[in-house]
Amino acid sequence: MPQIDPDQWPVLGPLLDRALDLSGADRDAWIRALAAQSPELVRPLADLLSAEARADERGFLAGPPATSLAGRTLGQYTLLRPLGHGGMGSVWLAQKTDGRFEGFAAVKLVSLALMGETGQAHFRREGRERSAPRVPSAGAGVARRAPFPSPSRRR
């Protein structure tokens, strides 16, 4: 992609859209008219059009984008397969691949839309709740749902 002066984008953007709507002789005539009116814009516009043509030749956006993150490494974990998704983002089965330990974990990928203060607070709170120790106690079956019956409820 050619380097374009950011100050030129407000002008070049609409010109690029117009040029891409035209083809062949119509585009050539339009660019000649632009050259007579604003010669300083022709070179950056031509660079953008060339980059677009090269991208088309390589098949850029010719098919659906690859959306799987399977096989990607994030820190010390390699994502294996999605486990689920919801309002906060998605959860992936991941394998620890740092060479020190072996094991699996669930890795939560938070949606970018939630990366504001409210989303961060929610994610921190959820992390604290999920990482709290789950130690059996006499009242565990009453205070919260436990995966085992509390002594007071056994018969």
N, C-alpha and C. Protein backbone atom coordinates (compact mmCIF):
# COMPACT_ATOMS: atom_id res chain seq x y z
N MET A 1 0.85 -1.18 0.00
CA MET A 1 0.00 0.00 0.00
C MET A 1 0.89 1.24 0.00
N PRO A 2 0.64 2.15 -0.89
CA PRO A 2 1.47 3.37 -0.94
C PRO A 2 1.24 4.25 0.29
N GLN A 3 2.27 5.00 0.63
CA GLN A 3 2.16 5.95 1.72
C GLN A 3 1.45 7.20 1.20
N ILE A 4 0.38 7.55 1.86
CA ILE A 4 -0.41 8.72 1.46
C ILE A 4 -0.39 9.70 2.63
N ASP A 5 -0.20 10.95 2.30
CA ASP A 5 -0.25 12.01 3.31
C ASP A 5 -1.65 12.02 3.93
N PRO A 6 -1.76 11.84 5.25
CA PRO A 6 -3.07 11.81 5.90
C PRO A 6 -3.93 13.04 5.60
N ASP A 7 -3.29 14.17 5.37
CA ASP A 7 -4.06 15.38 5.06
C ASP A 7 -4.74 15.28 3.70
N GLN A 8 -4.25 14.37 2.85
CA GLN A 8 -4.85 14.23 1.51
C GLN A 8 -6.03 13.27 1.48
N TRP A 9 -6.20 12.44 2.52
CA TRP A 9 -7.28 11.45 2.50
C TRP A 9 -8.67 12.04 2.31
N PRO A 10 -9.01 13.16 2.96
CA PRO A 10 -10.36 13.70 2.74
C PRO A 10 -10.63 14.05 1.28
N VAL A 11 -9.59 14.40 0.55
CA VAL A 11 -9.74 14.73 -0.87
C VAL A 11 -9.62 13.47 -1.73
N LEU A 12 -8.62 12.62 -1.42
CA LEU A 12 -8.37 11.44 -2.24
C LEU A 12 -9.45 10.36 -2.09
N GLY A 13 -10.04 10.23 -0.92
CA GLY A 13 -11.06 9.20 -0.70
C GLY A 13 -12.19 9.26 -1.71
N PRO A 14 -12.87 10.40 -1.84
CA PRO A 14 -13.95 10.49 -2.82
C PRO A 14 -13.46 10.33 -4.27
N LEU A 15 -12.24 10.81 -4.55
CA LEU A 15 -11.70 10.64 -5.90
C LEU A 15 -11.44 9.16 -6.20
N LEU A 16 -10.91 8.45 -5.23
CA LEU A 16 -10.67 7.02 -5.40
C LEU A 16 -12.00 6.28 -5.61
N ASP A 17 -13.01 6.62 -4.83
CA ASP A 17 -14.33 5.99 -5.01
C ASP A 17 -14.84 6.22 -6.43
N ARG A 18 -14.72 7.43 -6.90
CA ARG A 18 -15.19 7.77 -8.26
C ARG A 18 -14.40 6.99 -9.31
N ALA A 19 -13.07 6.96 -9.16
CA ALA A 19 -12.23 6.25 -10.13
C ALA A 19 -12.56 4.76 -10.15
N LEU A 20 -12.82 4.18 -8.99
CA LEU A 20 -13.14 2.75 -8.94
C LEU A 20 -14.51 2.44 -9.54
N ASP A 21 -15.38 3.44 -9.56
CA ASP A 21 -16.69 3.25 -10.20
C ASP A 21 -16.59 3.25 -11.72
N LEU A 22 -15.49 3.79 -12.25
CA LEU A 22 -15.30 3.87 -13.69
C LEU A 22 -14.35 2.77 -14.15
N SER A 23 -14.37 2.49 -15.43
CA SER A 23 -13.42 1.50 -15.95
C SER A 23 -12.99 1.89 -17.36
N GLY A 24 -11.86 1.33 -17.75
CA GLY A 24 -11.38 1.50 -19.13
C GLY A 24 -11.21 2.93 -19.56
N ALA A 25 -11.78 3.23 -20.75
CA ALA A 25 -11.64 4.55 -21.37
C ALA A 25 -12.29 5.64 -20.53
N ASP A 26 -13.40 5.31 -19.87
CA ASP A 26 -14.07 6.31 -19.03
C ASP A 26 -13.17 6.73 -17.87
N ARG A 27 -12.50 5.78 -17.25
CA ARG A 27 -11.60 6.09 -16.14
C ARG A 27 -10.41 6.91 -16.65
N ASP A 28 -9.84 6.52 -17.79
CA ASP A 28 -8.69 7.24 -18.35
C ASP A 28 -9.06 8.70 -18.65
N ALA A 29 -10.22 8.93 -19.24
CA ALA A 29 -10.67 10.29 -19.57
C ALA A 29 -10.88 11.09 -18.29
N TRP A 30 -11.45 10.47 -17.29
CA TRP A 30 -11.71 11.16 -16.02
C TRP A 30 -10.38 11.54 -15.35
N ILE A 31 -9.39 10.65 -15.38
CA ILE A 31 -8.08 10.95 -14.78
C ILE A 31 -7.38 12.07 -15.56
N ARG A 32 -7.51 12.09 -16.89
CA ARG A 32 -6.92 13.19 -17.67
C ARG A 32 -7.56 14.52 -17.29
N ALA A 33 -8.86 14.54 -17.09
CA ALA A 33 -9.55 15.77 -16.68
C ALA A 33 -9.08 16.19 -15.28
N LEU A 34 -8.90 15.22 -14.39
CA LEU A 34 -8.40 15.52 -13.04
C LEU A 34 -6.99 16.09 -13.12
N ALA A 35 -6.16 15.54 -14.01
CA ALA A 35 -4.78 16.01 -14.15
C ALA A 35 -4.74 17.47 -14.59
N ALA A 36 -5.66 17.87 -15.44
CA ALA A 36 -5.71 19.27 -15.90
C ALA A 36 -6.16 20.19 -14.76
N GLN A 37 -7.01 19.67 -13.89
CA GLN A 37 -7.59 20.49 -12.82
C GLN A 37 -6.73 20.48 -11.54
N SER A 38 -6.25 19.28 -11.13
CA SER A 38 -5.48 19.12 -9.89
C SER A 38 -4.34 18.13 -10.11
N PRO A 39 -3.28 18.56 -10.79
CA PRO A 39 -2.20 17.63 -11.13
C PRO A 39 -1.52 16.99 -9.93
N GLU A 40 -1.51 17.66 -8.78
CA GLU A 40 -0.84 17.12 -7.59
C GLU A 40 -1.55 15.89 -7.02
N LEU A 41 -2.81 15.67 -7.42
CA LEU A 41 -3.58 14.54 -6.90
C LEU A 41 -3.48 13.28 -7.77
N VAL A 42 -3.00 13.46 -9.00
CA VAL A 42 -3.00 12.34 -9.94
C VAL A 42 -2.04 11.23 -9.50
N ARG A 43 -0.83 11.60 -9.09
CA ARG A 43 0.15 10.57 -8.71
C ARG A 43 -0.32 9.73 -7.51
N PRO A 44 -0.74 10.36 -6.39
CA PRO A 44 -1.21 9.52 -5.28
C PRO A 44 -2.45 8.69 -5.65
N LEU A 45 -3.32 9.24 -6.48
CA LEU A 45 -4.50 8.49 -6.92
C LEU A 45 -4.08 7.30 -7.78
N ALA A 46 -3.13 7.51 -8.67
CA ALA A 46 -2.63 6.42 -9.52
C ALA A 46 -1.98 5.33 -8.66
N ASP A 47 -1.25 5.73 -7.61
CA ASP A 47 -0.63 4.75 -6.71
C ASP A 47 -1.70 3.90 -6.02
N LEU A 48 -2.76 4.55 -5.57
CA LEU A 48 -3.85 3.81 -4.92
C LEU A 48 -4.54 2.86 -5.88
N LEU A 49 -4.78 3.31 -7.10
CA LEU A 49 -5.41 2.46 -8.10
C LEU A 49 -4.52 1.26 -8.44
N SER A 50 -3.22 1.48 -8.52
CA SER A 50 -2.29 0.37 -8.79
C SER A 50 -2.30 -0.63 -7.65
N ALA A 51 -2.31 -0.14 -6.42
CA ALA A 51 -2.35 -1.03 -5.26
C ALA A 51 -3.65 -1.84 -5.25
N GLU A 52 -4.73 -1.22 -5.63
CA GLU A 52 -6.02 -1.92 -5.69
C GLU A 52 -5.99 -3.00 -6.77
N ALA A 53 -5.39 -2.70 -7.91
CA ALA A 53 -5.29 -3.68 -8.99
C ALA A 53 -4.43 -4.87 -8.57
N ARG A 54 -3.32 -4.62 -7.88
CA ARG A 54 -2.46 -5.71 -7.39
C ARG A 54 -3.22 -6.58 -6.37
N ALA A 55 -3.99 -5.94 -5.52
CA ALA A 55 -4.78 -6.69 -4.53
C ALA A 55 -5.81 -7.58 -5.24
N ASP A 56 -6.44 -7.06 -6.28
CA ASP A 56 -7.40 -7.86 -7.06
C ASP A 56 -6.71 -9.05 -7.71
N GLU A 57 -5.51 -8.84 -8.24
CA GLU A 57 -4.76 -9.94 -8.89
C GLU A 57 -4.43 -11.04 -7.90
N ARG A 58 -4.17 -10.68 -6.65
CA ARG A 58 -3.84 -11.66 -5.62
C ARG A 58 -5.09 -12.31 -5.02
N GLY A 59 -6.28 -11.87 -5.43
CA GLY A 59 -7.52 -12.45 -4.93
C GLY A 59 -7.97 -11.89 -3.61
N PHE A 60 -7.49 -10.70 -3.24
CA PHE A 60 -7.88 -10.07 -1.99
C PHE A 60 -9.39 -9.88 -1.97
N LEU A 61 -10.04 -10.36 -0.92
CA LEU A 61 -11.49 -10.30 -0.72
C LEU A 61 -12.28 -11.04 -1.80
N ALA A 62 -11.63 -11.99 -2.49
CA ALA A 62 -12.33 -12.75 -3.52
C ALA A 62 -13.28 -13.77 -2.89
N GLY A 63 -13.01 -14.20 -1.69
CA GLY A 63 -13.86 -15.15 -1.00
C GLY A 63 -14.13 -14.68 0.41
N PRO A 64 -14.83 -15.49 1.17
CA PRO A 64 -15.11 -15.10 2.55
C PRO A 64 -13.81 -15.06 3.35
N PRO A 65 -13.72 -14.14 4.29
CA PRO A 65 -12.49 -14.05 5.10
C PRO A 65 -12.35 -15.26 6.01
N ALA A 66 -11.13 -15.62 6.29
CA ALA A 66 -10.86 -16.70 7.25
C ALA A 66 -11.16 -16.14 8.65
N THR A 67 -12.08 -16.76 9.34
CA THR A 67 -12.48 -16.22 10.62
C THR A 67 -12.01 -17.06 11.80
N SER A 68 -11.42 -18.20 11.53
CA SER A 68 -11.01 -19.05 12.63
C SER A 68 -9.69 -18.58 13.22
N LEU A 69 -9.64 -18.61 14.52
CA LEU A 69 -8.41 -18.29 15.23
C LEU A 69 -7.67 -19.56 15.64
N ALA A 70 -8.20 -20.72 15.24
CA ALA A 70 -7.57 -21.99 15.60
C ALA A 70 -6.12 -22.00 15.11
N GLY A 71 -5.23 -22.40 16.01
CA GLY A 71 -3.82 -22.45 15.68
C GLY A 71 -3.05 -21.19 16.04
N ARG A 72 -3.75 -20.11 16.35
CA ARG A 72 -3.08 -18.87 16.75
C ARG A 72 -2.55 -19.00 18.17
N THR A 73 -1.39 -18.42 18.40
CA THR A 73 -0.80 -18.44 19.74
C THR A 73 -0.98 -17.07 20.38
N LEU A 74 -1.52 -17.09 21.58
CA LEU A 74 -1.71 -15.88 22.38
C LEU A 74 -0.93 -16.08 23.67
N GLY A 75 0.19 -15.39 23.77
CA GLY A 75 1.03 -15.56 24.96
C GLY A 75 1.54 -16.98 25.02
N GLN A 76 1.22 -17.67 26.12
CA GLN A 76 1.70 -19.04 26.31
C GLN A 76 0.67 -20.09 25.92
N TYR A 77 -0.42 -19.67 25.26
CA TYR A 77 -1.48 -20.60 24.88
C TYR A 77 -1.70 -20.60 23.37
N THR A 78 -1.97 -21.80 22.84
CA THR A 78 -2.34 -21.94 21.43
C THR A 78 -3.82 -22.29 21.38
N LEU A 79 -4.60 -21.51 20.66
CA LEU A 79 -6.04 -21.74 20.56
C LEU A 79 -6.30 -22.99 19.72
N LEU A 80 -7.16 -23.88 20.22
CA LEU A 80 -7.45 -25.13 19.52
C LEU A 80 -8.80 -25.09 18.82
N ARG A 81 -9.85 -24.76 19.57
CA ARG A 81 -11.20 -24.72 18.97
C ARG A 81 -12.11 -23.87 19.83
N PRO A 82 -13.13 -23.28 19.22
CA PRO A 82 -14.06 -22.48 20.02
C PRO A 82 -14.93 -23.37 20.91
N LEU A 83 -15.18 -22.89 22.11
CA LEU A 83 -16.07 -23.58 23.05
C LEU A 83 -17.43 -22.93 23.09
N GLY A 84 -17.47 -21.63 22.82
CA GLY A 84 -18.74 -20.92 22.85
C GLY A 84 -18.52 -19.43 22.66
N HIS A 85 -19.62 -18.72 22.51
CA HIS A 85 -19.54 -17.26 22.39
C HIS A 85 -20.81 -16.66 22.96
N GLY A 86 -20.69 -15.39 23.31
CA GLY A 86 -21.82 -14.70 23.90
C GLY A 86 -21.62 -13.21 23.83
N GLY A 87 -22.29 -12.50 24.70
CA GLY A 87 -22.26 -11.05 24.67
C GLY A 87 -20.90 -10.43 24.96
N MET A 88 -20.08 -11.11 25.76
CA MET A 88 -18.77 -10.56 26.12
C MET A 88 -17.71 -10.88 25.08
N GLY A 89 -17.88 -11.95 24.32
CA GLY A 89 -16.87 -12.36 23.36
C GLY A 89 -16.97 -13.85 23.11
N SER A 90 -15.81 -14.52 22.99
CA SER A 90 -15.80 -15.95 22.73
C SER A 90 -14.83 -16.64 23.68
N VAL A 91 -15.08 -17.94 23.90
CA VAL A 91 -14.23 -18.74 24.76
C VAL A 91 -13.66 -19.88 23.92
N TRP A 92 -12.35 -20.07 24.03
CA TRP A 92 -11.64 -21.07 23.23
C TRP A 92 -10.94 -22.08 24.13
N LEU A 93 -10.93 -23.34 23.68
CA LEU A 93 -10.08 -24.33 24.30
C LEU A 93 -8.66 -24.04 23.81
N ALA A 94 -7.74 -23.95 24.75
CA ALA A 94 -6.36 -23.63 24.41
C ALA A 94 -5.43 -24.60 25.11
N GLN A 95 -4.28 -24.82 24.50
CA GLN A 95 -3.26 -25.67 25.08
C GLN A 95 -2.08 -24.82 25.47
N LYS A 96 -1.57 -25.05 26.65
CA LYS A 96 -0.41 -24.30 27.11
C LYS A 96 0.80 -24.78 26.32
N THR A 97 1.50 -23.86 25.69
CA THR A 97 2.60 -24.24 24.81
C THR A 97 3.87 -23.45 25.12
N ASP A 98 4.07 -23.16 26.40
CA ASP A 98 5.26 -22.40 26.76
C ASP A 98 6.48 -23.28 27.00
N GLY A 99 6.32 -24.61 26.92
CA GLY A 99 7.44 -25.51 27.11
C GLY A 99 7.72 -25.84 28.56
N ARG A 100 7.11 -25.14 29.49
CA ARG A 100 7.35 -25.38 30.92
C ARG A 100 6.33 -26.35 31.50
N PHE A 101 5.08 -26.19 31.13
CA PHE A 101 4.02 -27.03 31.64
C PHE A 101 3.15 -27.47 30.47
N GLU A 102 2.46 -28.58 30.67
CA GLU A 102 1.50 -29.02 29.68
C GLU A 102 0.12 -28.94 30.30
N GLY A 103 -0.85 -28.57 29.50
CA GLY A 103 -2.20 -28.53 30.02
C GLY A 103 -3.11 -27.75 29.10
N PHE A 104 -4.37 -27.74 29.47
CA PHE A 104 -5.39 -27.06 28.69
C PHE A 104 -6.05 -25.99 29.56
N ALA A 105 -6.62 -25.02 28.88
CA ALA A 105 -7.33 -23.95 29.59
C ALA A 105 -8.41 -23.40 28.67
N ALA A 106 -9.36 -22.74 29.27
CA ALA A 106 -10.35 -21.98 28.51
C ALA A 106 -9.86 -20.54 28.47
N VAL A 107 -9.73 -20.00 27.27
CA VAL A 107 -9.24 -18.63 27.09
C VAL A 107 -10.40 -17.79 26.58
N LYS A 108 -10.69 -16.72 27.28
CA LYS A 108 -11.79 -15.84 26.88
C LYS A 108 -11.23 -14.66 26.09
N LEU A 109 -11.77 -14.45 24.90
CA LEU A 109 -11.40 -13.31 24.07
C LEU A 109 -12.54 -12.31 24.14
N VAL A 110 -12.27 -11.17 24.71
CA VAL A 110 -13.31 -10.16 24.93
C VAL A 110 -13.52 -9.35 23.66
N SER A 111 -14.76 -9.06 23.37
CA SER A 111 -15.11 -8.24 22.22
C SER A 111 -14.51 -6.85 22.36
N LEU A 112 -13.99 -6.32 21.27
CA LEU A 112 -13.40 -4.98 21.30
C LEU A 112 -14.40 -3.92 21.74
N ALA A 113 -15.67 -4.16 21.47
CA ALA A 113 -16.69 -3.19 21.84
C ALA A 113 -16.79 -3.02 23.35
N LEU A 114 -16.30 -4.00 24.11
CA LEU A 114 -16.39 -3.95 25.57
C LEU A 114 -15.12 -3.48 26.23
N MET A 115 -14.19 -2.94 25.49
CA MET A 115 -12.91 -2.58 26.08
C MET A 115 -12.91 -1.22 26.74
N GLY A 116 -14.08 -0.62 26.92
CA GLY A 116 -14.18 0.61 27.69
C GLY A 116 -14.11 0.29 29.18
N GLU A 117 -14.26 1.31 30.02
CA GLU A 117 -14.16 1.11 31.47
C GLU A 117 -15.19 0.13 32.00
N THR A 118 -16.42 0.21 31.52
CA THR A 118 -17.48 -0.68 32.01
C THR A 118 -17.17 -2.12 31.66
N GLY A 119 -16.77 -2.37 30.42
CA GLY A 119 -16.43 -3.73 29.99
C GLY A 119 -15.24 -4.28 30.74
N GLN A 120 -14.24 -3.45 30.98
CA GLN A 120 -13.07 -3.91 31.72
C GLN A 120 -13.44 -4.27 33.16
N ALA A 121 -14.28 -3.46 33.78
CA ALA A 121 -14.71 -3.74 35.15
C ALA A 121 -15.48 -5.07 35.21
N HIS A 122 -16.35 -5.29 34.24
CA HIS A 122 -17.13 -6.53 34.19
C HIS A 122 -16.19 -7.73 34.02
N PHE A 123 -15.21 -7.62 33.14
CA PHE A 123 -14.27 -8.71 32.88
C PHE A 123 -13.43 -9.01 34.12
N ARG A 124 -12.98 -7.97 34.83
CA ARG A 124 -12.20 -8.17 36.06
C ARG A 124 -13.05 -8.88 37.12
N ARG A 125 -14.31 -8.42 37.27
CA ARG A 125 -15.21 -9.01 38.27
C ARG A 125 -15.45 -10.49 37.93
N GLU A 126 -15.69 -10.78 36.67
CA GLU A 126 -15.92 -12.17 36.26
C GLU A 126 -14.68 -13.02 36.53
N GLY A 127 -13.50 -12.47 36.25
CA GLY A 127 -12.26 -13.19 36.50
C GLY A 127 -12.07 -13.52 37.98
N ARG A 128 -12.38 -12.54 38.84
CA ARG A 128 -12.26 -12.77 40.29
C ARG A 128 -13.23 -13.87 40.74
N GLU A 129 -14.46 -13.81 40.24
CA GLU A 129 -15.46 -14.81 40.63
C GLU A 129 -15.05 -16.20 40.17
N ARG A 130 -14.56 -16.31 38.95
CA ARG A 130 -14.19 -17.62 38.41
C ARG A 130 -12.92 -18.18 39.05
N SER A 131 -12.06 -17.31 39.55
CA SER A 131 -10.81 -17.79 40.13
C SER A 131 -10.91 -18.00 41.63
N ALA A 132 -12.05 -17.68 42.25
CA ALA A 132 -12.22 -17.88 43.69
C ALA A 132 -12.13 -19.38 44.00
N PRO A 133 -11.45 -19.74 45.09
CA PRO A 133 -11.33 -21.16 45.43
C PRO A 133 -12.69 -21.77 45.70
N ARG A 134 -12.85 -22.99 45.26
CA ARG A 134 -14.09 -23.72 45.49
C ARG A 134 -13.80 -24.82 46.52
N VAL A 135 -13.93 -24.44 47.78
CA VAL A 135 -13.63 -25.35 48.88
C VAL A 135 -14.94 -25.80 49.49
N PRO A 136 -15.14 -27.10 49.65
CA PRO A 136 -16.39 -27.56 50.27
C PRO A 136 -16.49 -27.08 51.71
N SER A 137 -17.67 -26.65 52.08
CA SER A 137 -17.91 -26.25 53.47
C SER A 137 -19.29 -26.76 53.87
N ALA A 138 -19.59 -26.69 55.16
CA ALA A 138 -20.84 -27.23 55.65
C ALA A 138 -22.05 -26.59 55.01
N GLY A 139 -21.97 -25.32 54.70
CA GLY A 139 -23.12 -24.63 54.14
C GLY A 139 -23.06 -24.44 52.63
N ALA A 140 -22.14 -25.12 51.97
CA ALA A 140 -21.94 -24.88 50.54
C ALA A 140 -23.19 -25.18 49.73
N GLY A 141 -23.93 -26.19 50.11
CA GLY A 141 -25.13 -26.54 49.33
C GLY A 141 -26.23 -25.53 49.50
N VAL A 142 -26.20 -24.76 50.58
CA VAL A 142 -27.24 -23.78 50.84
C VAL A 142 -26.84 -22.42 50.29
N ALA A 143 -25.59 -22.03 50.52
CA ALA A 143 -25.14 -20.70 50.12
C ALA A 143 -25.10 -20.54 48.61
N ARG A 144 -24.65 -21.56 47.92
CA ARG A 144 -24.64 -21.52 46.46
C ARG A 144 -24.73 -22.95 45.96
N ARG A 145 -25.05 -23.08 44.72
CA ARG A 145 -25.18 -24.42 44.15
C ARG A 145 -23.80 -25.06 44.08
N ALA A 146 -23.65 -26.15 44.71
CA ALA A 146 -22.37 -26.86 44.71
C ALA A 146 -22.49 -28.13 43.88
N PRO A 147 -21.39 -28.61 43.35
CA PRO A 147 -21.45 -29.83 42.55
C PRO A 147 -21.56 -31.08 43.41
N PHE A 148 -21.69 -30.90 44.72
CA PHE A 148 -21.80 -32.02 45.65
C PHE A 148 -22.87 -31.66 46.67
N PRO A 149 -23.55 -32.64 47.25
CA PRO A 149 -24.58 -32.31 48.24
C PRO A 149 -23.94 -31.89 49.56
N SER A 150 -24.55 -30.93 50.21
CA SER A 150 -24.03 -30.51 51.52
C SER A 150 -24.45 -31.55 52.55
N PRO A 151 -23.71 -31.68 53.65
CA PRO A 151 -24.03 -32.69 54.68
C PRO A 151 -25.45 -32.56 55.20
N SER A 152 -25.97 -31.34 55.28
CA SER A 152 -27.31 -31.15 55.85
C SER A 152 -28.40 -31.65 54.91
N ARG A 153 -28.11 -31.89 53.66
CA ARG A 153 -29.14 -32.31 52.72
C ARG A 153 -29.05 -33.81 52.41
N ARG A 154 -28.08 -34.50 52.97
CA ARG A 154 -27.97 -35.95 52.73
C ARG A 154 -28.97 -36.70 53.58
N ARG A 155 -29.44 -37.82 53.11
CA ARG A 155 -30.39 -38.64 53.88
C ARG A 155 -29.80 -39.98 54.17
